[in-house]
Amino acid sequence: MTVRRWHRHPHVLWRRSLDAILVLPRGSAEPVTLTGTGPEIWELLEEPCSTDVMVAVLAERHAADPVVVTGDVTELLEELLQRGAVETLDPGRDA
């Protein structure tokens, strides 16, 4: 079974504010504002990372139910993928 790994798109612009991260994918007129655990997910995406690893890290940090965390992480990753802010990497490719 192959594991889907996620990574920030190399051409996305982003900046940290006090309590959020603003992400502007190439070709987008509107930035995506990441709040809550969004900035933590964005930091984890600096290196290729699977959903399972992100869920485990966030669930441990926040003493949260991994099932709930999985739903939140998956929803955000899918939105970021649709907006062009992240990409998935070929499981056979070393990054």
PDB file of N, CA and C in Angstrom:
ATOM      1  N   MET A   1       0.844  -1.186   0.000  1.00  0.00           N
ATOM      2  CA  MET A   1       0.000   0.000   0.000  1.00  0.00           C
ATOM      3  C   MET A   1       0.893   1.254   0.000  1.00  0.00           C
ATOM      4  N   THR A   2       0.535   2.209  -0.817  1.00  0.00           N
ATOM      5  CA  THR A   2       1.305   3.445  -0.873  1.00  0.00           C
ATOM      6  C   THR A   2       0.714   4.474   0.082  1.00  0.00           C
ATOM      7  N   VAL A   3       1.580   5.289   0.634  1.00  0.00           N
ATOM      8  CA  VAL A   3       1.156   6.316   1.578  1.00  0.00           C
ATOM      9  C   VAL A   3       1.221   7.666   0.868  1.00  0.00           C
ATOM     10  N   ARG A   4       0.140   8.386   0.917  1.00  0.00           N
ATOM     11  CA  ARG A   4       0.079   9.712   0.307  1.00  0.00           C
ATOM     12  C   ARG A   4       0.839  10.690   1.199  1.00  0.00           C
ATOM     13  N   ARG A   5       1.837  11.352   0.613  1.00  0.00           N
ATOM     14  CA  ARG A   5       2.591  12.358   1.352  1.00  0.00           C
ATOM     15  C   ARG A   5       2.274  13.734   0.776  1.00  0.00           C
ATOM     16  N   TRP A   6       2.215  14.684   1.656  1.00  0.00           N
ATOM     17  CA  TRP A   6       1.859  16.059   1.304  1.00  0.00           C
ATOM     18  C   TRP A   6       3.060  16.971   1.487  1.00  0.00           C
ATOM     19  N   HIS A   7       3.069  18.062   0.733  1.00  0.00           N
ATOM     20  CA  HIS A   7       4.171  19.016   0.815  1.00  0.00           C
ATOM     21  C   HIS A   7       3.646  20.362   0.323  1.00  0.00           C
ATOM     22  N   ARG A   8       4.204  21.446   0.851  1.00  0.00           N
ATOM     23  CA  ARG A   8       3.852  22.773   0.336  1.00  0.00           C
ATOM     24  C   ARG A   8       4.229  22.859  -1.139  1.00  0.00           C
ATOM     25  N   HIS A   9       3.373  23.479  -1.926  1.00  0.00           N
ATOM     26  CA  HIS A   9       3.716  23.696  -3.323  1.00  0.00           C
ATOM     27  C   HIS A   9       4.900  24.657  -3.363  1.00  0.00           C
ATOM     28  N   PRO A  10       5.903  24.397  -4.186  1.00  0.00           N
ATOM     29  CA  PRO A  10       7.106  25.238  -4.166  1.00  0.00           C
ATOM     30  C   PRO A  10       6.883  26.687  -4.603  1.00  0.00           C
ATOM     31  N   HIS A  11       5.787  26.978  -5.298  1.00  0.00           N
ATOM     32  CA  HIS A  11       5.554  28.333  -5.797  1.00  0.00           C
ATOM     33  C   HIS A  11       4.542  29.124  -4.977  1.00  0.00           C
ATOM     34  N   VAL A  12       4.132  28.592  -3.840  1.00  0.00           N
ATOM     35  CA  VAL A  12       3.144  29.283  -3.018  1.00  0.00           C
ATOM     36  C   VAL A  12       3.839  30.354  -2.174  1.00  0.00           C
ATOM     37  N   LEU A  13       3.188  31.492  -2.054  1.00  0.00           N
ATOM     38  CA  LEU A  13       3.684  32.555  -1.179  1.00  0.00           C
ATOM     39  C   LEU A  13       2.953  32.436   0.150  1.00  0.00           C
ATOM     40  N   TRP A  14       3.670  32.696   1.239  1.00  0.00           N
ATOM     41  CA  TRP A  14       3.007  32.636   2.547  1.00  0.00           C
ATOM     42  C   TRP A  14       3.745  33.515   3.533  1.00  0.00           C
ATOM     43  N   ARG A  15       2.978  33.973   4.519  1.00  0.00           N
ATOM     44  CA  ARG A  15       3.529  34.798   5.592  1.00  0.00           C
ATOM     45  C   ARG A  15       2.818  34.475   6.883  1.00  0.00           C
ATOM     46  N   ARG A  16       3.591  34.536   7.968  1.00  0.00           N
ATOM     47  CA  ARG A  16       3.017  34.318   9.295  1.00  0.00           C
ATOM     48  C   ARG A  16       2.594  35.660   9.872  1.00  0.00           C
ATOM     49  N   SER A  17       1.420  35.699  10.480  1.00  0.00           N
ATOM     50  CA  SER A  17       0.998  36.848  11.269  1.00  0.00           C
ATOM     51  C   SER A  17       1.035  36.403  12.731  1.00  0.00           C
ATOM     52  N   LEU A  18       0.498  37.195  13.619  1.00  0.00           N
ATOM     53  CA  LEU A  18       0.549  36.832  15.036  1.00  0.00           C
ATOM     54  C   LEU A  18      -0.077  35.468  15.341  1.00  0.00           C
ATOM     55  N   ASP A  19      -1.264  35.223  14.810  1.00  0.00           N
ATOM     56  CA  ASP A  19      -1.961  33.989  15.155  1.00  0.00           C
ATOM     57  C   ASP A  19      -2.471  33.211  13.942  1.00  0.00           C
ATOM     58  N   ALA A  20      -1.924  33.497  12.764  1.00  0.00           N
ATOM     59  CA  ALA A  20      -2.382  32.826  11.555  1.00  0.00           C
ATOM     60  C   ALA A  20      -1.249  32.782  10.533  1.00  0.00           C
ATOM     61  N   ILE A  21      -1.487  32.027   9.490  1.00  0.00           N
ATOM     62  CA  ILE A  21      -0.603  32.029   8.331  1.00  0.00           C
ATOM     63  C   ILE A  21      -1.467  32.342   7.124  1.00  0.00           C
ATOM     64  N   LEU A  22      -1.005  33.285   6.315  1.00  0.00           N
ATOM     65  CA  LEU A  22      -1.677  33.633   5.071  1.00  0.00           C
ATOM     66  C   LEU A  22      -0.940  32.945   3.937  1.00  0.00           C
ATOM     67  N   VAL A  23      -1.685  32.222   3.118  1.00  0.00           N
ATOM     68  CA  VAL A  23      -1.120  31.450   2.019  1.00  0.00           C
ATOM     69  C   VAL A  23      -1.732  31.969   0.726  1.00  0.00           C
ATOM     70  N   LEU A  24      -0.884  32.294  -0.245  1.00  0.00           N
ATOM     71  CA  LEU A  24      -1.362  32.778  -1.541  1.00  0.00           C
ATOM     72  C   LEU A  24      -0.815  31.865  -2.631  1.00  0.00           C
ATOM     73  N   PRO A  25      -1.645  30.932  -3.094  1.00  0.00           N
ATOM     74  CA  PRO A  25      -1.207  30.051  -4.172  1.00  0.00           C
ATOM     75  C   PRO A  25      -1.016  30.836  -5.471  1.00  0.00           C
ATOM     76  N   ARG A  26      -0.114  30.372  -6.302  1.00  0.00           N
ATOM     77  CA  ARG A  26       0.140  31.007  -7.598  1.00  0.00           C
ATOM     78  C   ARG A  26      -1.157  31.081  -8.405  1.00  0.00           C
ATOM     79  N   GLY A  27      -1.426  32.263  -8.959  1.00  0.00           N
ATOM     80  CA  GLY A  27      -2.604  32.454  -9.785  1.00  0.00           C
ATOM     81  C   GLY A  27      -3.880  32.735  -9.008  1.00  0.00           C
ATOM     82  N   SER A  28      -3.798  32.771  -7.699  1.00  0.00           N
ATOM     83  CA  SER A  28      -4.977  33.016  -6.875  1.00  0.00           C
ATOM     84  C   SER A  28      -5.035  34.484  -6.473  1.00  0.00           C
ATOM     85  N   ALA A  29      -6.232  35.058  -6.522  1.00  0.00           N
ATOM     86  CA  ALA A  29      -6.411  36.446  -6.112  1.00  0.00           C
ATOM     87  C   ALA A  29      -6.693  36.564  -4.621  1.00  0.00           C
ATOM     88  N   GLU A  30      -7.144  35.474  -4.020  1.00  0.00           N
ATOM     89  CA  GLU A  30      -7.524  35.482  -2.614  1.00  0.00           C
ATOM     90  C   GLU A  30      -6.605  34.575  -1.796  1.00  0.00           C
ATOM     91  N   PRO A  31      -6.060  35.085  -0.700  1.00  0.00           N
ATOM     92  CA  PRO A  31      -5.240  34.220   0.154  1.00  0.00           C
ATOM     93  C   PRO A  31      -6.112  33.284   0.989  1.00  0.00           C
ATOM     94  N   VAL A  32      -5.509  32.221   1.435  1.00  0.00           N
ATOM     95  CA  VAL A  32      -6.132  31.295   2.377  1.00  0.00           C
ATOM     96  C   VAL A  32      -5.565  31.654   3.741  1.00  0.00           C
ATOM     97  N   THR A  33      -6.430  31.842   4.728  1.00  0.00           N
ATOM     98  CA  THR A  33      -5.992  32.148   6.078  1.00  0.00           C
ATOM     99  C   THR A  33      -6.057  30.882   6.918  1.00  0.00           C
ATOM    100  N   LEU A  34      -4.916  30.478   7.436  1.00  0.00           N
ATOM    101  CA  LEU A  34      -4.852  29.287   8.288  1.00  0.00           C
ATOM    102  C   LEU A  34      -4.819  29.725   9.741  1.00  0.00           C
ATOM    103  N   THR A  35      -5.820  29.298  10.490  1.00  0.00           N
ATOM    104  CA  THR A  35      -5.900  29.611  11.911  1.00  0.00           C
ATOM    105  C   THR A  35      -6.030  28.303  12.686  1.00  0.00           C
ATOM    106  N   GLY A  36      -6.174  28.398  13.986  1.00  0.00           N
ATOM    107  CA  GLY A  36      -6.314  27.196  14.815  1.00  0.00           C
ATOM    108  C   GLY A  36      -5.071  26.336  14.684  1.00  0.00           C
ATOM    109  N   THR A  37      -5.259  25.079  14.284  1.00  0.00           N
ATOM    110  CA  THR A  37      -4.111  24.194  14.078  1.00  0.00           C
ATOM    111  C   THR A  37      -3.558  24.304  12.662  1.00  0.00           C
ATOM    112  N   GLY A  38      -4.173  25.134  11.823  1.00  0.00           N
ATOM    113  CA  GLY A  38      -3.695  25.324  10.454  1.00  0.00           C
ATOM    114  C   GLY A  38      -2.231  25.714  10.365  1.00  0.00           C
ATOM    115  N   PRO A  39      -1.774  26.684  11.175  1.00  0.00           N
ATOM    116  CA  PRO A  39      -0.346  27.021  11.133  1.00  0.00           C
ATOM    117  C   PRO A  39       0.566  25.839  11.519  1.00  0.00           C
ATOM    118  N   GLU A  40       0.117  25.015  12.441  1.00  0.00           N
ATOM    119  CA  GLU A  40       0.922  23.843  12.816  1.00  0.00           C
ATOM    120  C   GLU A  40       1.008  22.856  11.654  1.00  0.00           C
ATOM    121  N   ILE A  41      -0.113  22.672  10.969  1.00  0.00           N
ATOM    122  CA  ILE A  41      -0.118  21.789   9.798  1.00  0.00           C
ATOM    123  C   ILE A  41       0.806  22.355   8.732  1.00  0.00           C
ATOM    124  N   TRP A  42       0.744  23.662   8.498  1.00  0.00           N
ATOM    125  CA  TRP A  42       1.601  24.298   7.500  1.00  0.00           C
ATOM    126  C   TRP A  42       3.082  24.088   7.834  1.00  0.00           C
ATOM    127  N   GLU A  43       3.414  24.204   9.110  1.00  0.00           N
ATOM    128  CA  GLU A  43       4.804  23.973   9.527  1.00  0.00           C
ATOM    129  C   GLU A  43       5.205  22.523   9.266  1.00  0.00           C
ATOM    130  N   LEU A  44       4.317  21.575   9.545  1.00  0.00           N
ATOM    131  CA  LEU A  44       4.619  20.162   9.293  1.00  0.00           C
ATOM    132  C   LEU A  44       4.822  19.892   7.805  1.00  0.00           C
ATOM    133  N   LEU A  45       4.188  20.686   6.954  1.00  0.00           N
ATOM    134  CA  LEU A  45       4.289  20.491   5.511  1.00  0.00           C
ATOM    135  C   LEU A  45       5.583  21.025   4.916  1.00  0.00           C
ATOM    136  N   GLU A  46       6.452  21.565   5.754  1.00  0.00           N
ATOM    137  CA  GLU A  46       7.745  22.039   5.253  1.00  0.00           C
ATOM    138  C   GLU A  46       8.521  20.878   4.616  1.00  0.00           C
ATOM    139  N   GLU A  47       8.389  19.715   5.199  1.00  0.00           N
ATOM    140  CA  GLU A  47       8.977  18.485   4.664  1.00  0.00           C
ATOM    141  C   GLU A  47       7.826  17.563   4.277  1.00  0.00           C
ATOM    142  N   PRO A  48       8.025  16.694   3.273  1.00  0.00           N
ATOM    143  CA  PRO A  48       6.952  15.759   2.913  1.00  0.00           C
ATOM    144  C   PRO A  48       6.470  14.987   4.138  1.00  0.00           C
ATOM    145  N   CYS A  49       5.164  14.901   4.280  1.00  0.00           N
ATOM    146  CA  CYS A  49       4.579  14.330   5.492  1.00  0.00           C
ATOM    147  C   CYS A  49       3.262  13.634   5.149  1.00  0.00           C
ATOM    148  N   SER A  50       3.039  12.483   5.747  1.00  0.00           N
ATOM    149  CA  SER A  50       1.772  11.780   5.534  1.00  0.00           C
ATOM    150  C   SER A  50       0.697  12.335   6.464  1.00  0.00           C
ATOM    151  N   THR A  51      -0.531  12.099   6.111  1.00  0.00           N
ATOM    152  CA  THR A  51      -1.649  12.503   6.959  1.00  0.00           C
ATOM    153  C   THR A  51      -1.534  11.841   8.324  1.00  0.00           C
ATOM    154  N   ASP A  52      -1.166  10.568   8.347  1.00  0.00           N
ATOM    155  CA  ASP A  52      -1.058   9.836   9.619  1.00  0.00           C
ATOM    156  C   ASP A  52      -0.043  10.478  10.559  1.00  0.00           C
ATOM    157  N   VAL A  53       1.082  10.932  10.012  1.00  0.00           N
ATOM    158  CA  VAL A  53       2.097  11.570  10.850  1.00  0.00           C
ATOM    159  C   VAL A  53       1.567  12.891  11.394  1.00  0.00           C
ATOM    160  N   MET A  54       0.922  13.687  10.539  1.00  0.00           N
ATOM    161  CA  MET A  54       0.369  14.968  10.997  1.00  0.00           C
ATOM    162  C   MET A  54      -0.670  14.748  12.090  1.00  0.00           C
ATOM    163  N   VAL A  55      -1.538  13.773  11.898  1.00  0.00           N
ATOM    164  CA  VAL A  55      -2.569  13.469  12.888  1.00  0.00           C
ATOM    165  C   VAL A  55      -1.937  13.050  14.207  1.00  0.00           C
ATOM    166  N   ALA A  56      -0.945  12.181  14.154  1.00  0.00           N
ATOM    167  CA  ALA A  56      -0.295  11.706  15.381  1.00  0.00           C
ATOM    168  C   ALA A  56       0.352  12.865  16.136  1.00  0.00           C
ATOM    169  N   VAL A  57       1.045  13.747  15.429  1.00  0.00           N
ATOM    170  CA  VAL A  57       1.709  14.886  16.069  1.00  0.00           C
ATOM    171  C   VAL A  57       0.681  15.813  16.714  1.00  0.00           C
ATOM    172  N   LEU A  58      -0.359  16.164  15.971  1.00  0.00           N
ATOM    173  CA  LEU A  58      -1.358  17.106  16.495  1.00  0.00           C
ATOM    174  C   LEU A  58      -2.186  16.491  17.626  1.00  0.00           C
ATOM    175  N   ALA A  59      -2.545  15.225  17.486  1.00  0.00           N
ATOM    176  CA  ALA A  59      -3.323  14.566  18.542  1.00  0.00           C
ATOM    177  C   ALA A  59      -2.528  14.529  19.843  1.00  0.00           C
ATOM    178  N   GLU A  60      -1.236  14.258  19.744  1.00  0.00           N
ATOM    179  CA  GLU A  60      -0.400  14.217  20.946  1.00  0.00           C
ATOM    180  C   GLU A  60      -0.220  15.615  21.539  1.00  0.00           C
ATOM    181  N   ARG A  61       0.080  16.598  20.700  1.00  0.00           N
ATOM    182  CA  ARG A  61       0.285  17.968  21.187  1.00  0.00           C
ATOM    183  C   ARG A  61      -0.936  18.516  21.913  1.00  0.00           C
ATOM    184  N   HIS A  62      -2.117  18.181  21.408  1.00  0.00           N
ATOM    185  CA  HIS A  62      -3.344  18.781  21.930  1.00  0.00           C
ATOM    186  C   HIS A  62      -4.193  17.803  22.739  1.00  0.00           C
ATOM    187  N   ALA A  63      -3.644  16.621  23.014  1.00  0.00           N
ATOM    188  CA  ALA A  63      -4.378  15.591  23.747  1.00  0.00           C
ATOM    189  C   ALA A  63      -5.786  15.432  23.175  1.00  0.00           C
ATOM    190  N   ALA A  64      -5.838  15.283  21.850  1.00  0.00           N
ATOM    191  CA  ALA A  64      -7.120  15.215  21.143  1.00  0.00           C
ATOM    192  C   ALA A  64      -7.338  13.820  20.573  1.00  0.00           C
ATOM    193  N   ASP A  65      -8.598  13.522  20.294  1.00  0.00           N
ATOM    194  CA  ASP A  65      -8.985  12.254  19.694  1.00  0.00           C
ATOM    195  C   ASP A  65      -8.472  12.213  18.250  1.00  0.00           C
ATOM    196  N   PRO A  66      -7.648  11.221  17.907  1.00  0.00           N
ATOM    197  CA  PRO A  66      -7.112  11.136  16.547  1.00  0.00           C
ATOM    198  C   PRO A  66      -8.183  11.077  15.458  1.00  0.00           C
ATOM    199  N   VAL A  67      -9.339  10.526  15.764  1.00  0.00           N
ATOM    200  CA  VAL A  67     -10.421  10.469  14.773  1.00  0.00           C
ATOM    201  C   VAL A  67     -10.890  11.877  14.416  1.00  0.00           C
ATOM    202  N   VAL A  68     -11.042  12.724  15.420  1.00  0.00           N
ATOM    203  CA  VAL A  68     -11.457  14.107  15.193  1.00  0.00           C
ATOM    204  C   VAL A  68     -10.362  14.859  14.444  1.00  0.00           C
ATOM    205  N   VAL A  69      -9.125  14.662  14.869  1.00  0.00           N
ATOM    206  CA  VAL A  69      -7.992  15.335  14.231  1.00  0.00           C
ATOM    207  C   VAL A  69      -7.880  14.913  12.765  1.00  0.00           C
ATOM    208  N   THR A  70      -8.098  13.633  12.479  1.00  0.00           N
ATOM    209  CA  THR A  70      -8.027  13.133  11.106  1.00  0.00           C
ATOM    210  C   THR A  70      -9.010  13.869  10.210  1.00  0.00           C
ATOM    211  N   GLY A  71     -10.227  14.055  10.676  1.00  0.00           N
ATOM    212  CA  GLY A  71     -11.225  14.770   9.886  1.00  0.00           C
ATOM    213  C   GLY A  71     -10.812  16.197   9.595  1.00  0.00           C
ATOM    214  N   ASP A  72     -10.305  16.879  10.617  1.00  0.00           N
ATOM    215  CA  ASP A  72      -9.881  18.275  10.456  1.00  0.00           C
ATOM    216  C   ASP A  72      -8.690  18.394   9.511  1.00  0.00           C
ATOM    217  N   VAL A  73      -7.694  17.529   9.683  1.00  0.00           N
ATOM    218  CA  VAL A  73      -6.484  17.574   8.851  1.00  0.00           C
ATOM    219  C   VAL A  73      -6.837  17.251   7.402  1.00  0.00           C
ATOM    220  N   THR A  74      -7.620  16.217   7.202  1.00  0.00           N
ATOM    221  CA  THR A  74      -7.999  15.812   5.851  1.00  0.00           C
ATOM    222  C   THR A  74      -8.766  16.915   5.139  1.00  0.00           C
ATOM    223  N   GLU A  75      -9.683  17.542   5.833  1.00  0.00           N
ATOM    224  CA  GLU A  75     -10.473  18.630   5.236  1.00  0.00           C
ATOM    225  C   GLU A  75      -9.569  19.789   4.809  1.00  0.00           C
ATOM    226  N   LEU A  76      -8.649  20.185   5.676  1.00  0.00           N
ATOM    227  CA  LEU A  76      -7.750  21.287   5.347  1.00  0.00           C
ATOM    228  C   LEU A  76      -6.824  20.919   4.188  1.00  0.00           C
ATOM    229  N   LEU A  77      -6.262  19.724   4.204  1.00  0.00           N
ATOM    230  CA  LEU A  77      -5.360  19.311   3.125  1.00  0.00           C
ATOM    231  C   LEU A  77      -6.073  19.287   1.780  1.00  0.00           C
ATOM    232  N   GLU A  78      -7.295  18.800   1.757  1.00  0.00           N
ATOM    233  CA  GLU A  78      -8.050  18.762   0.501  1.00  0.00           C
ATOM    234  C   GLU A  78      -8.341  20.174  -0.009  1.00  0.00           C
ATOM    235  N   GLU A  79      -8.681  21.089   0.908  1.00  0.00           N
ATOM    236  CA  GLU A  79      -8.909  22.482   0.504  1.00  0.00           C
ATOM    237  C   GLU A  79      -7.625  23.091  -0.052  1.00  0.00           C
ATOM    238  N   LEU A  80      -6.509  22.880   0.635  1.00  0.00           N
ATOM    239  CA  LEU A  80      -5.232  23.427   0.184  1.00  0.00           C
ATOM    240  C   LEU A  80      -4.803  22.819  -1.147  1.00  0.00           C
ATOM    241  N   LEU A  81      -5.105  21.546  -1.357  1.00  0.00           N
ATOM    242  CA  LEU A  81      -4.790  20.892  -2.624  1.00  0.00           C
ATOM    243  C   LEU A  81      -5.609  21.513  -3.754  1.00  0.00           C
ATOM    244  N   GLN A  82      -6.904  21.703  -3.526  1.00  0.00           N
ATOM    245  CA  GLN A  82      -7.771  22.316  -4.537  1.00  0.00           C
ATOM    246  C   GLN A  82      -7.350  23.737  -4.870  1.00  0.00           C
ATOM    247  N   ARG A  83      -6.856  24.454  -3.882  1.00  0.00           N
ATOM    248  CA  ARG A  83      -6.422  25.841  -4.082  1.00  0.00           C
ATOM    249  C   ARG A  83      -5.013  25.943  -4.668  1.00  0.00           C
ATOM    250  N   GLY A  84      -4.298  24.819  -4.749  1.00  0.00           N
ATOM    251  CA  GLY A  84      -2.956  24.812  -5.312  1.00  0.00           C
ATOM    252  C   GLY A  84      -1.864  25.189  -4.333  1.00  0.00           C
ATOM    253  N   ALA A  85      -2.153  25.127  -3.039  1.00  0.00           N
ATOM    254  CA  ALA A  85      -1.173  25.501  -2.018  1.00  0.00           C
ATOM    255  C   ALA A  85      -0.290  24.333  -1.594  1.00  0.00           C
ATOM    256  N   VAL A  86      -0.777  23.113  -1.772  1.00  0.00           N
ATOM    257  CA  VAL A  86       0.006  21.924  -1.447  1.00  0.00           C
ATOM    258  C   VAL A  86      -0.056  20.970  -2.627  1.00  0.00           C
ATOM    259  N   GLU A  87       0.837  20.012  -2.594  1.00  0.00           N
ATOM    260  CA  GLU A  87       0.825  18.970  -3.608  1.00  0.00           C
ATOM    261  C   GLU A  87       1.082  17.633  -2.932  1.00  0.00           C
ATOM    262  N   THR A  88       0.720  16.575  -3.608  1.00  0.00           N
ATOM    263  CA  THR A  88       1.038  15.248  -3.101  1.00  0.00           C
ATOM    264  C   THR A  88       2.253  14.764  -3.860  1.00  0.00           C
ATOM    265  N   LEU A  89       3.056  13.990  -3.186  1.00  0.00           N
ATOM    266  CA  LEU A  89       4.290  13.498  -3.783  1.00  0.00           C
ATOM    267  C   LEU A  89       4.156  12.029  -4.128  1.00  0.00           C
ATOM    268  N   ASP A  90       4.817  11.645  -5.181  1.00  0.00           N
ATOM    269  CA  ASP A  90       4.881  10.260  -5.600  1.00  0.00           C
ATOM    270  C   ASP A  90       5.551   9.462  -4.483  1.00  0.00           C
ATOM    271  N   PRO A  91       4.869   8.434  -3.947  1.00  0.00           N
ATOM    272  CA  PRO A  91       5.441   7.667  -2.847  1.00  0.00           C
ATOM    273  C   PRO A  91       6.801   7.047  -3.171  1.00  0.00           C
ATOM    274  N   GLY A  92       7.092   6.834  -4.442  1.00  0.00           N
ATOM    275  CA  GLY A  92       8.377   6.251  -4.801  1.00  0.00           C
ATOM    276  C   GLY A  92       9.489   7.273  -4.952  1.00  0.00           C
ATOM    277  N   ARG A  93       9.152   8.529  -4.879  1.00  0.00           N
ATOM    278  CA  ARG A  93      10.132   9.604  -5.095  1.00  0.00           C
ATOM    279  C   ARG A  93      10.701  10.067  -3.771  1.00  0.00           C
ATOM    280  N   ASP A  94      11.984  10.207  -3.688  1.00  0.00           N
ATOM    281  CA  ASP A  94      12.617  10.765  -2.496  1.00  0.00           C
ATOM    282  C   ASP A  94      12.574  12.264  -2.592  1.00  0.00           C
ATOM    283  N   ALA A  95      12.156  12.927  -1.507  1.00  0.00           N
ATOM    284  CA  ALA A  95      12.089  14.390  -1.525  1.00  0.00           C
ATOM    285  C   ALA A  95      13.070  14.961  -0.559  1.00  0.00           C
TER     286      ALA A  95
END
